Each structure stands twice: as C-alpha cells, then as structure tokens.
Amino acid sequence: MFTSTATSFTSLRRCLAAGSLALVLCAATSVARSGDLVEPDPSLSAREVIEIQLDALQLLDRENPEENMRQVWAMAHPANKAYVGTIARFGAMLNSPGYDTLVGHRGHAVLAARAGDEVTEFYVTVESADGATSAFLWMVAKVAAGEHAGCWMTIAVSPAVRINREV
C-alpha cells in the first residue's frame, strides 16, 4: 500500500515548495476499534476511506500493532494487498522510515489534490507523536471487479515528506 510513483511524488514536492499545505488537526471520528471493523462499501467516498484508515493509524499502538492494523488493511486495494503480500509485511512497512510517523500520530488533515472517476489523490498532512509534521500523497482507486467492485480503496501512499521538525 505504501508505494509511490515518481510523477505523484514530484507533484507533492511542488505543492510543498509552494507552501500550499497547512496542518489542521482533526479529531478521530470514524475510529475503528476492536470489533468495529468498517468493511469496504461502494457508499463510502474516497475521502471517507482515507479518514477511516487515518483514524485507525492514529490509534495504532506500537506495542500491540494488530489492534487497528486490520482496519487499515481492510481498506487496502486488492492490487495493493497483492503487492505487499501479508498483513505482517504491511505492519513491518508501517514501522519503517517514511511511514512510521503515521503510527500513533496526534492529528491529520486530508486535502483534495486531484479527483477522477477511477483514481483520486489527496494530500495528507500528519502531526506525528513527536510533534513533527509530515506530508503524504494518498491515492485511492475504485475496484473494478470482484468482492469489492465499485469500492474506493487505497492503492498507494507516498513515503513521508518532512515539513518541520519542531512542535
């Protein structure tokens, strides 16, 4: 899930250079807690899918990474899951540089970037647990066929671009 394309990452860099990203702290609203797994559904918007994942990542406990990992994984596009392999490998990716700022973050903002009928991109800013601000390019795509046909699901997320290092 957490991959990037050179073109999309370049777009994110241009946006950051222009200073057009602002961090707005958001309260977790659709938080996925144990037993409350939100399944992919065609009625969910692209933005709602990202918010569900971010809310779960915000609550993800580094000591017990399985707690909300299932929710994030549930909203990953089937092609993304095929690329990553297993949920265990996905968990390892979340704790690696470039994505570890998502785990247990303080707040986030989702800003529309480019909307399409089949693929939509969002700029996401995150204040990490240590107070640093990072930005991501988050891409969701509609599933064409199969169990989740018509559902928006996350196809890729760029590694973090650090905006600041201070609170």
C-alpha atoms as a PDB file:
ATOM      1  CA  MET A   1       0.000   0.000   0.000  1.00  0.00           C
ATOM      2  CA  PHE A   2       2.745   2.420   0.834  1.00  0.00           C
ATOM      3  CA  THR A   3       4.387   2.898  -2.532  1.00  0.00           C
ATOM      4  CA  SER A   4       4.840   5.947  -4.679  1.00  0.00           C
ATOM      5  CA  THR A   5       5.124   6.947  -8.284  1.00  0.00           C
ATOM      6  CA  ALA A   6       7.741   9.463  -9.399  1.00  0.00           C
ATOM      7  CA  THR A   7       5.101  11.679 -11.016  1.00  0.00           C
ATOM      8  CA  SER A   8       2.869  11.845  -7.948  1.00  0.00           C
ATOM      9  CA  PHE A   9       5.794  12.457  -5.613  1.00  0.00           C
ATOM     10  CA  THR A  10       7.002  15.305  -7.830  1.00  0.00           C
ATOM     11  CA  SER A  11       3.534  16.861  -7.612  1.00  0.00           C
ATOM     12  CA  LEU A  12       3.662  16.630  -3.823  1.00  0.00           C
ATOM     13  CA  ARG A  13       7.082  18.306  -3.751  1.00  0.00           C
ATOM     14  CA  ARG A  14       5.807  21.194  -5.911  1.00  0.00           C
ATOM     15  CA  CYS A  15       2.846  21.673  -3.598  1.00  0.00           C
ATOM     16  CA  LEU A  16       5.084  21.665  -0.527  1.00  0.00           C
ATOM     17  CA  ALA A  17       7.505  24.128  -2.134  1.00  0.00           C
ATOM     18  CA  ALA A  18       4.589  26.452  -2.860  1.00  0.00           C
ATOM     19  CA  GLY A  19       3.594  26.290   0.808  1.00  0.00           C
ATOM     20  CA  SER A  20       0.040  25.223  -0.015  1.00  0.00           C
ATOM     21  CA  LEU A  21      -0.243  22.528   2.660  1.00  0.00           C
ATOM     22  CA  ALA A  22      -1.429  23.520   6.099  1.00  0.00           C
ATOM     23  CA  LEU A  23      -1.780  21.238   9.073  1.00  0.00           C
ATOM     24  CA  VAL A  24      -5.203  21.125  10.613  1.00  0.00           C
ATOM     25  CA  LEU A  25      -5.625  18.761  13.497  1.00  0.00           C
ATOM     26  CA  CYS A  26      -8.633  16.519  13.158  1.00  0.00           C
ATOM     27  CA  ALA A  27     -10.366  14.556  15.859  1.00  0.00           C
ATOM     28  CA  ALA A  28     -10.837  10.866  15.183  1.00  0.00           C
ATOM     29  CA  THR A  29     -14.439  10.493  14.082  1.00  0.00           C
ATOM     30  CA  SER A  30     -14.822   7.094  12.464  1.00  0.00           C
ATOM     31  CA  VAL A  31     -12.332   5.329  14.651  1.00  0.00           C
ATOM     32  CA  ALA A  32     -12.037   1.606  14.136  1.00  0.00           C
ATOM     33  CA  ARG A  33     -11.785  -0.083  17.494  1.00  0.00           C
ATOM     34  CA  SER A  34     -11.573  -3.807  18.118  1.00  0.00           C
ATOM     35  CA  GLY A  35     -14.716  -5.463  16.852  1.00  0.00           C
ATOM     36  CA  ASP A  36     -15.864  -2.373  14.921  1.00  0.00           C
ATOM     37  CA  LEU A  37     -14.222  -3.171  11.588  1.00  0.00           C
ATOM     38  CA  VAL A  38     -15.596  -0.974   8.812  1.00  0.00           C
ATOM     39  CA  GLU A  39     -15.779  -3.014   5.632  1.00  0.00           C
ATOM     40  CA  PRO A  40     -15.264  -1.556   2.147  1.00  0.00           C
ATOM     41  CA  ASP A  41     -18.573  -0.383   0.707  1.00  0.00           C
ATOM     42  CA  PRO A  42     -19.487   1.444  -2.525  1.00  0.00           C
ATOM     43  CA  SER A  43     -21.334   4.044  -0.427  1.00  0.00           C
ATOM     44  CA  LEU A  44     -18.048   5.227   1.163  1.00  0.00           C
ATOM     45  CA  SER A  45     -16.394   8.183  -0.563  1.00  0.00           C
ATOM     46  CA  ALA A  46     -12.694   8.232  -1.395  1.00  0.00           C
ATOM     47  CA  ARG A  47     -12.129  10.732   1.442  1.00  0.00           C
ATOM     48  CA  GLU A  48     -14.053   8.575   3.937  1.00  0.00           C
ATOM     49  CA  VAL A  49     -11.821   5.585   3.143  1.00  0.00           C
ATOM     50  CA  ILE A  50      -8.712   7.650   3.890  1.00  0.00           C
ATOM     51  CA  GLU A  51     -10.240   9.060   7.095  1.00  0.00           C
ATOM     52  CA  ILE A  52     -11.088   5.539   8.292  1.00  0.00           C
ATOM     53  CA  GLN A  53      -7.503   4.454   7.714  1.00  0.00           C
ATOM     54  CA  LEU A  54      -6.007   7.559   9.318  1.00  0.00           C
ATOM     55  CA  ASP A  55      -8.242   7.229  12.365  1.00  0.00           C
ATOM     56  CA  ALA A  56      -7.110   3.605  12.788  1.00  0.00           C
ATOM     57  CA  LEU A  57      -3.451   4.580  12.309  1.00  0.00           C
ATOM     58  CA  GLN A  58      -3.840   7.335  14.904  1.00  0.00           C
ATOM     59  CA  LEU A  59      -4.927   4.737  17.464  1.00  0.00           C
ATOM     60  CA  LEU A  60      -2.442   2.088  16.398  1.00  0.00           C
ATOM     61  CA  ASP A  61      -0.423   1.165  19.465  1.00  0.00           C
ATOM     62  CA  ARG A  62       3.241   0.454  18.717  1.00  0.00           C
ATOM     63  CA  GLU A  63       3.275  -2.149  21.483  1.00  0.00           C
ATOM     64  CA  ASN A  64       0.284  -4.005  20.002  1.00  0.00           C
ATOM     65  CA  PRO A  65       0.268  -3.211  16.265  1.00  0.00           C
ATOM     66  CA  GLU A  66      -2.554  -5.639  15.467  1.00  0.00           C
ATOM     67  CA  GLU A  67      -5.114  -3.517  17.353  1.00  0.00           C
ATOM     68  CA  ASN A  68      -6.149  -1.322  14.412  1.00  0.00           C
ATOM     69  CA  MET A  69      -3.967  -2.791  11.670  1.00  0.00           C
ATOM     70  CA  ARG A  70      -6.877  -4.913  10.437  1.00  0.00           C
ATOM     71  CA  GLN A  71      -8.879  -1.749   9.731  1.00  0.00           C
ATOM     72  CA  VAL A  72      -6.146  -0.139   7.669  1.00  0.00           C
ATOM     73  CA  TRP A  73      -5.565  -3.410   5.796  1.00  0.00           C
ATOM     74  CA  ALA A  74      -9.312  -3.839   5.149  1.00  0.00           C
ATOM     75  CA  MET A  75      -9.347  -0.606   3.107  1.00  0.00           C
ATOM     76  CA  ALA A  76      -6.272  -1.500   1.027  1.00  0.00           C
ATOM     77  CA  HIS A  77      -6.976  -2.104  -2.679  1.00  0.00           C
ATOM     78  CA  PRO A  78      -6.707  -5.781  -3.743  1.00  0.00           C
ATOM     79  CA  ALA A  79      -3.822  -4.903  -6.118  1.00  0.00           C
ATOM     80  CA  ASN A  80      -2.065  -3.206  -3.227  1.00  0.00           C
ATOM     81  CA  LYS A  81      -2.552  -6.238  -0.986  1.00  0.00           C
ATOM     82  CA  ALA A  82      -1.131  -8.462  -3.729  1.00  0.00           C
ATOM     83  CA  TYR A  83       1.937  -6.208  -3.931  1.00  0.00           C
ATOM     84  CA  VAL A  84       2.508  -6.022  -0.156  1.00  0.00           C
ATOM     85  CA  GLY A  85       1.782  -9.702   0.434  1.00  0.00           C
ATOM     86  CA  THR A  86       0.724 -10.241   4.022  1.00  0.00           C
ATOM     87  CA  ILE A  87      -0.624  -8.141   6.852  1.00  0.00           C
ATOM     88  CA  ALA A  88       2.583  -8.965   8.790  1.00  0.00           C
ATOM     89  CA  ARG A  89       4.697  -7.453   5.999  1.00  0.00           C
ATOM     90  CA  PHE A  90       2.349  -4.478   5.933  1.00  0.00           C
ATOM     91  CA  GLY A  91       2.901  -3.977   9.677  1.00  0.00           C
ATOM     92  CA  ALA A  92       6.655  -4.011   9.182  1.00  0.00           C
ATOM     93  CA  MET A  93       6.287  -1.354   6.469  1.00  0.00           C
ATOM     94  CA  LEU A  94       4.284   0.869   8.825  1.00  0.00           C
ATOM     95  CA  ASN A  95       7.123   0.822  11.320  1.00  0.00           C
ATOM     96  CA  SER A  96       9.772   1.658   8.729  1.00  0.00           C
ATOM     97  CA  PRO A  97      11.150   5.148   7.990  1.00  0.00           C
ATOM     98  CA  GLY A  98       8.790   7.062   5.725  1.00  0.00           C
ATOM     99  CA  TYR A  99       5.639   5.595   7.231  1.00  0.00           C
ATOM    100  CA  ASP A 100       6.334   5.320  10.973  1.00  0.00           C
ATOM    101  CA  THR A 101       5.073   8.885  11.534  1.00  0.00           C
ATOM    102  CA  LEU A 102       1.557   7.617  10.736  1.00  0.00           C
ATOM    103  CA  VAL A 103       1.526   5.243  13.698  1.00  0.00           C
ATOM    104  CA  GLY A 104       0.020   6.899  16.767  1.00  0.00           C
ATOM    105  CA  HIS A 105       0.018  10.361  15.179  1.00  0.00           C
ATOM    106  CA  ARG A 106      -1.543  13.331  17.009  1.00  0.00           C
ATOM    107  CA  GLY A 107      -3.665  14.684  14.174  1.00  0.00           C
ATOM    108  CA  HIS A 108      -4.146  14.799  10.436  1.00  0.00           C
ATOM    109  CA  ALA A 109      -5.708  16.751   7.599  1.00  0.00           C
ATOM    110  CA  VAL A 110      -6.905  15.452   4.229  1.00  0.00           C
ATOM    111  CA  LEU A 111      -6.769  17.922   1.357  1.00  0.00           C
ATOM    112  CA  ALA A 112      -8.161  17.194  -2.104  1.00  0.00           C
ATOM    113  CA  ALA A 113      -5.480  17.075  -4.792  1.00  0.00           C
ATOM    114  CA  ARG A 114      -6.848  15.542  -7.981  1.00  0.00           C
ATOM    115  CA  ALA A 115     -10.244  13.883  -8.412  1.00  0.00           C
ATOM    116  CA  GLY A 116     -11.052  11.323 -11.040  1.00  0.00           C
ATOM    117  CA  ASP A 117     -13.734   8.767 -11.764  1.00  0.00           C
ATOM    118  CA  GLU A 118     -11.419   5.811 -11.117  1.00  0.00           C
ATOM    119  CA  VAL A 119      -8.429   7.249  -9.195  1.00  0.00           C
ATOM    120  CA  THR A 120      -8.388  10.140  -6.735  1.00  0.00           C
ATOM    121  CA  GLU A 121      -5.400  11.685  -4.989  1.00  0.00           C
ATOM    122  CA  PHE A 122      -5.246  13.554  -1.690  1.00  0.00           C
ATOM    123  CA  TYR A 123      -2.518  15.409   0.132  1.00  0.00           C
ATOM    124  CA  VAL A 124      -2.449  14.272   3.745  1.00  0.00           C
ATOM    125  CA  THR A 125      -0.599  16.095   6.492  1.00  0.00           C
ATOM    126  CA  VAL A 126       0.141  14.373   9.772  1.00  0.00           C
ATOM    127  CA  GLU A 127       1.487  15.639  13.081  1.00  0.00           C
ATOM    128  CA  SER A 128       3.445  12.688  14.430  1.00  0.00           C
ATOM    129  CA  ALA A 129       3.581  11.660  18.073  1.00  0.00           C
ATOM    130  CA  ASP A 130       6.868  13.596  18.434  1.00  0.00           C
ATOM    131  CA  GLY A 131       5.322  16.816  17.063  1.00  0.00           C
ATOM    132  CA  ALA A 132       6.906  16.741  13.611  1.00  0.00           C
ATOM    133  CA  THR A 133       4.733  17.486  10.587  1.00  0.00           C
ATOM    134  CA  SER A 134       4.899  15.279   7.512  1.00  0.00           C
ATOM    135  CA  ALA A 135       3.009  15.151   4.227  1.00  0.00           C
ATOM    136  CA  PHE A 136       1.921  12.222   2.100  1.00  0.00           C
ATOM    137  CA  LEU A 137       0.306  11.739  -1.282  1.00  0.00           C
ATOM    138  CA  TRP A 138      -2.540   9.240  -0.712  1.00  0.00           C
ATOM    139  CA  MET A 139      -4.093   7.571  -3.751  1.00  0.00           C
ATOM    140  CA  VAL A 140      -7.372   5.667  -3.802  1.00  0.00           C
ATOM    141  CA  ALA A 141      -8.833   3.762  -6.725  1.00  0.00           C
ATOM    142  CA  LYS A 142     -12.177   2.149  -7.415  1.00  0.00           C
ATOM    143  CA  VAL A 143     -12.054  -1.613  -7.505  1.00  0.00           C
ATOM    144  CA  ALA A 144     -13.125  -2.763 -10.971  1.00  0.00           C
ATOM    145  CA  ALA A 145     -14.307  -6.305 -10.255  1.00  0.00           C
ATOM    146  CA  GLY A 146     -14.634  -8.931  -7.571  1.00  0.00           C
ATOM    147  CA  GLU A 147     -15.823  -8.824  -3.988  1.00  0.00           C
ATOM    148  CA  HIS A 148     -15.277  -5.069  -3.581  1.00  0.00           C
ATOM    149  CA  ALA A 149     -16.294  -3.883  -7.059  1.00  0.00           C
ATOM    150  CA  GLY A 150     -17.195  -0.195  -7.013  1.00  0.00           C
ATOM    151  CA  CYS A 151     -15.474   0.467  -3.670  1.00  0.00           C
ATOM    152  CA  TRP A 152     -12.833   3.129  -3.188  1.00  0.00           C
ATOM    153  CA  MET A 153      -9.735   1.541  -1.680  1.00  0.00           C
ATOM    154  CA  THR A 154      -6.179   2.741  -1.075  1.00  0.00           C
ATOM    155  CA  ILE A 155      -3.863   1.879  -3.941  1.00  0.00           C
ATOM    156  CA  ALA A 156      -0.716   3.768  -2.850  1.00  0.00           C
ATOM    157  CA  VAL A 157       0.741   6.157  -0.287  1.00  0.00           C
ATOM    158  CA  SER A 158       3.996   8.030  -0.813  1.00  0.00           C
ATOM    159  CA  PRO A 159       6.693   7.970   1.842  1.00  0.00           C
ATOM    160  CA  ALA A 160       6.555  10.953   4.193  1.00  0.00           C
ATOM    161  CA  VAL A 161       7.988  14.319   3.235  1.00  0.00           C
ATOM    162  CA  ARG A 162       9.030  16.068   6.449  1.00  0.00           C
ATOM    163  CA  ILE A 163       7.668  19.624   6.611  1.00  0.00           C
ATOM    164  CA  ASN A 164       9.113  20.585  10.005  1.00  0.00           C
ATOM    165  CA  ARG A 165      10.974  19.044  12.903  1.00  0.00           C
ATOM    166  CA  GLU A 166       9.635  21.193  15.722  1.00  0.00           C
ATOM    167  CA  VAL A 167       6.367  21.322  17.621  1.00  0.00           C
END
